[in-house]
Amino acid sequence: MSQHLREELDRLHAQVCSALADPNRILILYLLAEQPQSVSALMQSLELSQPSVSRHLKVLRERNMVNAQREGQSIVYSLKDHRVIEALDLL
C-alpha cells in the first residue's frame, strides 16, 4: 500500500472515530436512521439544548454522515448512509 493511500485511510479512520466519540452523536445517528428530523425534534428526543444538538450535527455534517435539507424555515437532517448504523450495530 502506498504511503499516500495509508495516510488517507488513517485520516478517514480518525474522522469517523472522532465523529462517533460522543454518545449523543451516536444517538442522533440512530434517531435519524428511523426518520429525518429537525433540530427541535432531536432536542426533544435527546433532552439537549439547541446549541448542543446543533454542534453535534455540525460534526456529523463535516464528516459526511448526515444530510441537511431546508424545509421552509427549518432544516431537516437525515442519515447520509445507512451502513453507518450497520457498523455501529457491529460495535
C-alpha atoms as a PDB file:
ATOM      1  CA  MET A   1       0.000   0.000   0.000  1.00  0.00           C
ATOM      2  CA  SER A   2       1.370   3.393  -0.923  1.00  0.00           C
ATOM      3  CA  GLN A   3       2.248   5.881   1.798  1.00  0.00           C
ATOM      4  CA  HIS A   4      -0.260   8.398   0.392  1.00  0.00           C
ATOM      5  CA  LEU A   5      -3.101   5.848   0.499  1.00  0.00           C
ATOM      6  CA  ARG A   6      -2.131   4.796   4.012  1.00  0.00           C
ATOM      7  CA  GLU A   7      -2.185   8.427   5.201  1.00  0.00           C
ATOM      8  CA  GLU A   8      -5.589   8.988   3.599  1.00  0.00           C
ATOM      9  CA  LEU A   9      -7.014   5.863   5.267  1.00  0.00           C
ATOM     10  CA  ASP A  10      -5.605   6.943   8.622  1.00  0.00           C
ATOM     11  CA  ARG A  11      -7.177  10.388   8.211  1.00  0.00           C
ATOM     12  CA  LEU A  12     -10.582   8.924   7.303  1.00  0.00           C
ATOM     13  CA  HIS A  13     -10.412   6.496  10.208  1.00  0.00           C
ATOM     14  CA  ALA A  14      -9.617   9.322  12.623  1.00  0.00           C
ATOM     15  CA  GLN A  15     -12.520  11.421  11.296  1.00  0.00           C
ATOM     16  CA  VAL A  16     -15.042   8.613  11.699  1.00  0.00           C
ATOM     17  CA  CYS A  17     -13.785   7.728  15.165  1.00  0.00           C
ATOM     18  CA  SER A  18     -13.904  11.360  16.318  1.00  0.00           C
ATOM     19  CA  ALA A  19     -17.471  11.689  14.999  1.00  0.00           C
ATOM     20  CA  LEU A  20     -18.523   8.625  16.987  1.00  0.00           C
ATOM     21  CA  ALA A  21     -16.608   9.570  20.124  1.00  0.00           C
ATOM     22  CA  ASP A  22     -19.628  11.244  21.719  1.00  0.00           C
ATOM     23  CA  PRO A  23     -22.599   9.067  22.755  1.00  0.00           C
ATOM     24  CA  ASN A  24     -25.039  11.854  21.842  1.00  0.00           C
ATOM     25  CA  ARG A  25     -23.826  11.813  18.238  1.00  0.00           C
ATOM     26  CA  ILE A  26     -24.387   8.067  18.113  1.00  0.00           C
ATOM     27  CA  LEU A  27     -27.911   8.569  19.454  1.00  0.00           C
ATOM     28  CA  ILE A  28     -28.524  11.230  16.803  1.00  0.00           C
ATOM     29  CA  LEU A  29     -27.449   8.805  14.087  1.00  0.00           C
ATOM     30  CA  TYR A  30     -29.844   6.139  15.389  1.00  0.00           C
ATOM     31  CA  LEU A  31     -32.708   8.660  15.562  1.00  0.00           C
ATOM     32  CA  LEU A  32     -32.010   9.820  12.010  1.00  0.00           C
ATOM     33  CA  ALA A  33     -31.918   6.208  10.843  1.00  0.00           C
ATOM     34  CA  GLU A  34     -35.561   5.931  11.938  1.00  0.00           C
ATOM     35  CA  GLN A  35     -36.625   9.084  10.089  1.00  0.00           C
ATOM     36  CA  PRO A  36     -35.367  12.528   9.056  1.00  0.00           C
ATOM     37  CA  GLN A  37     -35.736  15.057  11.874  1.00  0.00           C
ATOM     38  CA  SER A  38     -35.362  18.729  12.659  1.00  0.00           C
ATOM     39  CA  VAL A  39     -33.143  20.150  15.374  1.00  0.00           C
ATOM     40  CA  SER A  40     -36.174  20.784  17.588  1.00  0.00           C
ATOM     41  CA  ALA A  41     -37.337  17.160  17.268  1.00  0.00           C
ATOM     42  CA  LEU A  42     -33.842  15.936  18.130  1.00  0.00           C
ATOM     43  CA  MET A  43     -33.741  18.338  21.093  1.00  0.00           C
ATOM     44  CA  GLN A  44     -36.933  16.826  22.488  1.00  0.00           C
ATOM     45  CA  SER A  45     -35.838  13.226  21.939  1.00  0.00           C
ATOM     46  CA  LEU A  46     -32.401  13.734  23.470  1.00  0.00           C
ATOM     47  CA  GLU A  47     -33.357  16.355  26.070  1.00  0.00           C
ATOM     48  CA  LEU A  48     -30.436  18.517  24.952  1.00  0.00           C
ATOM     49  CA  SER A  49     -30.214  22.239  24.252  1.00  0.00           C
ATOM     50  CA  GLN A  50     -30.419  23.644  20.736  1.00  0.00           C
ATOM     51  CA  PRO A  51     -26.751  24.740  20.715  1.00  0.00           C
ATOM     52  CA  SER A  52     -25.638  21.284  21.818  1.00  0.00           C
ATOM     53  CA  VAL A  53     -27.677  19.461  19.163  1.00  0.00           C
ATOM     54  CA  SER A  54     -26.500  21.925  16.508  1.00  0.00           C
ATOM     55  CA  ARG A  55     -22.849  21.372  17.472  1.00  0.00           C
ATOM     56  CA  HIS A  56     -23.258  17.607  17.229  1.00  0.00           C
ATOM     57  CA  LEU A  57     -24.961  17.913  13.846  1.00  0.00           C
ATOM     58  CA  LYS A  58     -22.174  20.178  12.609  1.00  0.00           C
ATOM     59  CA  VAL A  59     -19.601  17.499  13.439  1.00  0.00           C
ATOM     60  CA  LEU A  60     -21.685  14.827  11.702  1.00  0.00           C
ATOM     61  CA  ARG A  61     -22.164  17.051   8.633  1.00  0.00           C
ATOM     62  CA  GLU A  62     -18.428  17.767   8.439  1.00  0.00           C
ATOM     63  CA  ARG A  63     -17.794  14.001   8.495  1.00  0.00           C
ATOM     64  CA  ASN A  64     -20.392  13.458   5.720  1.00  0.00           C
ATOM     65  CA  MET A  65     -22.577  11.290   7.933  1.00  0.00           C
ATOM     66  CA  VAL A  66     -25.766  13.368   7.712  1.00  0.00           C
ATOM     67  CA  ASN A  67     -27.556  15.449   5.103  1.00  0.00           C
ATOM     68  CA  ALA A  68     -29.214  18.776   5.818  1.00  0.00           C
ATOM     69  CA  GLN A  69     -32.149  19.955   3.724  1.00  0.00           C
ATOM     70  CA  ARG A  70     -34.092  23.167   4.205  1.00  0.00           C
ATOM     71  CA  GLU A  71     -37.852  22.743   4.501  1.00  0.00           C
ATOM     72  CA  GLY A  72     -39.479  26.121   4.942  1.00  0.00           C
ATOM     73  CA  GLN A  73     -37.872  27.827   7.905  1.00  0.00           C
ATOM     74  CA  SER A  74     -36.394  24.692   9.421  1.00  0.00           C
ATOM     75  CA  ILE A  75     -33.637  22.337   8.375  1.00  0.00           C
ATOM     76  CA  VAL A  76     -34.335  18.629   8.349  1.00  0.00           C
ATOM     77  CA  TYR A  77     -31.455  16.229   8.900  1.00  0.00           C
ATOM     78  CA  SER A  78     -31.232  12.706   7.549  1.00  0.00           C
ATOM     79  CA  LEU A  79     -28.735   9.895   7.634  1.00  0.00           C
ATOM     80  CA  LYS A  80     -26.478  10.012   4.597  1.00  0.00           C
ATOM     81  CA  ASP A  81     -25.586   6.317   4.501  1.00  0.00           C
ATOM     82  CA  HIS A  82     -27.430   3.660   6.491  1.00  0.00           C
ATOM     83  CA  ARG A  83     -24.339   1.468   6.528  1.00  0.00           C
ATOM     84  CA  VAL A  84     -23.067   3.579   9.425  1.00  0.00           C
ATOM     85  CA  ILE A  85     -25.844   2.034  11.543  1.00  0.00           C
ATOM     86  CA  GLU A  86     -24.750  -1.430  10.467  1.00  0.00           C
ATOM     87  CA  ALA A  87     -21.215  -0.567  11.555  1.00  0.00           C
ATOM     88  CA  LEU A  88     -22.472   0.774  14.903  1.00  0.00           C
ATOM     89  CA  ASP A  89     -24.518  -2.372  15.430  1.00  0.00           C
ATOM     90  CA  LEU A  90     -21.381  -4.458  14.912  1.00  0.00           C
ATOM     91  CA  LEU A  91     -19.577  -2.461  17.579  1.00  0.00           C
END
